[in-house]
Protein backbone atom coordinates (compact mmCIF):
# COMPACT_ATOMS: atom_id res chain seq x y z
CA MET A 1 4.95 4.48 -21.77
CA ALA A 2 7.49 2.11 -20.31
CA TYR A 3 6.39 -0.76 -18.11
CA GLY A 4 6.10 0.03 -14.43
CA ILE A 5 4.48 2.90 -12.52
CA THR A 6 4.86 6.47 -13.72
CA ILE A 7 3.61 9.40 -11.65
CA LYS A 8 2.39 12.39 -13.66
CA HIS A 9 1.77 15.74 -11.98
CA ASP A 10 -1.46 17.36 -13.19
CA HIS A 11 -3.15 20.55 -12.13
CA GLY A 12 -4.91 19.76 -8.89
CA GLY A 13 -3.78 16.13 -8.59
CA LYS A 14 -1.68 13.22 -9.77
CA ARG A 15 -2.04 10.42 -12.28
CA LEU A 16 -0.40 7.08 -11.67
CA GLU A 17 0.11 5.18 -14.90
CA MET A 18 0.54 1.44 -14.30
CA GLN A 19 1.50 -0.88 -17.12
CA CYS A 20 3.04 -4.29 -17.72
CA PRO A 21 2.76 -6.73 -20.64
CA HIS A 22 -0.57 -8.02 -19.22
CA GLN A 23 -2.31 -5.04 -17.58
CA ASN A 24 -2.60 -1.31 -18.21
CA GLY A 25 -4.41 1.17 -15.96
CA LEU A 26 -4.55 4.77 -14.86
CA LEU A 27 -5.25 5.88 -11.29
CA TYR A 28 -6.25 9.48 -10.64
CA VAL A 29 -5.60 11.07 -7.24
CA ALA A 30 -7.28 14.44 -6.66
CA PRO A 31 -7.58 16.72 -3.63
CA SER A 32 -10.48 15.64 -1.43
CA GLN A 33 -12.01 15.74 2.02
CA GLY A 34 -9.48 13.22 3.34
CA SER A 35 -6.37 14.77 1.84
CA TRP A 36 -6.70 18.49 2.56
CA VAL A 37 -3.94 18.38 5.22
CA CYS A 38 -1.23 17.27 2.79
CA SER A 39 0.77 19.29 0.27
CA GLU A 40 0.19 18.79 -3.44
CA ASP A 41 3.64 17.20 -3.72
CA ASN A 42 2.63 14.36 -1.38
CA LEU A 43 -1.05 14.16 -2.24
CA HIS A 44 -0.79 10.75 -3.93
CA ALA A 45 1.14 9.15 -1.05
CA HIS A 46 -1.25 10.61 1.53
CA ALA A 47 -4.39 9.54 -0.33
CA LEU A 48 -3.20 6.01 -1.11
CA ALA A 49 -1.89 5.34 2.42
CA GLY A 50 -5.13 6.64 3.91
CA PHE A 51 -7.26 4.67 1.48
CA PHE A 52 -5.47 1.38 2.13
CA LYS A 53 -5.49 2.00 5.89
CA GLU A 54 -9.27 2.43 5.88
CA LEU A 55 -9.78 -0.42 3.41
CA ALA A 56 -7.78 -2.82 5.59
CA ARG A 57 -9.70 -1.74 8.70
CA LEU A 58 -13.01 -2.73 7.10
CA GLN A 59 -12.23 -6.38 7.88
CA ASN A 60 -14.27 -7.30 4.79
CA PRO A 61 -13.59 -10.88 3.66
CA GLN A 62 -14.17 -9.98 0.00
CA VAL A 63 -11.65 -7.14 0.15
CA LYS A 64 -9.13 -9.35 1.97
CA GLU A 65 -9.60 -12.13 -0.59
CA LEU A 66 -9.20 -9.72 -3.51
CA MET A 67 -6.05 -8.18 -2.06
CA GLN A 68 -4.58 -11.63 -1.43
CA ARG A 69 -5.44 -12.70 -4.97
CA TRP A 70 -3.28 -9.86 -6.31
CA GLY A 71 -0.60 -10.14 -3.61
CA ILE A 72 -1.37 -6.72 -2.13
CA TYR A 73 -0.83 -6.34 1.60
CA TYR A 74 -0.97 -3.13 3.61
CA ARG A 75 0.56 -2.43 7.00
CA GLU A 76 0.21 0.92 8.72
CA ARG A 77 3.49 2.31 10.07
CA VAL A 78 4.44 5.06 12.51
CA VAL A 79 4.58 8.46 10.86
CA GLU A 80 8.18 9.69 10.69
CA ARG A 81 8.81 13.40 10.49
CA GLU A 82 11.24 14.60 7.84
CA GLU A 83 14.34 16.13 9.38
CA GLN A 84 15.03 19.71 8.41
CA GLY A 85 18.69 20.50 8.29
């Protein structure tokens, strides 16, 4: 696998492979209670945006500290509808 993030489409979900010279991990995203409204194509985006939205809303100092340590910041944005033309 090359360095970076690679999205693999599996039956019933997605795998996000994340690798650099110093870290290597695999994140699985599967259909769940919170993602039933979204299509399989967008399952990973829906699940991750929802997860980070709820995580940020916890206002937990340990979570905030951990995210800052890794330079991860999340900001919820207005949902834009895709234009059909």
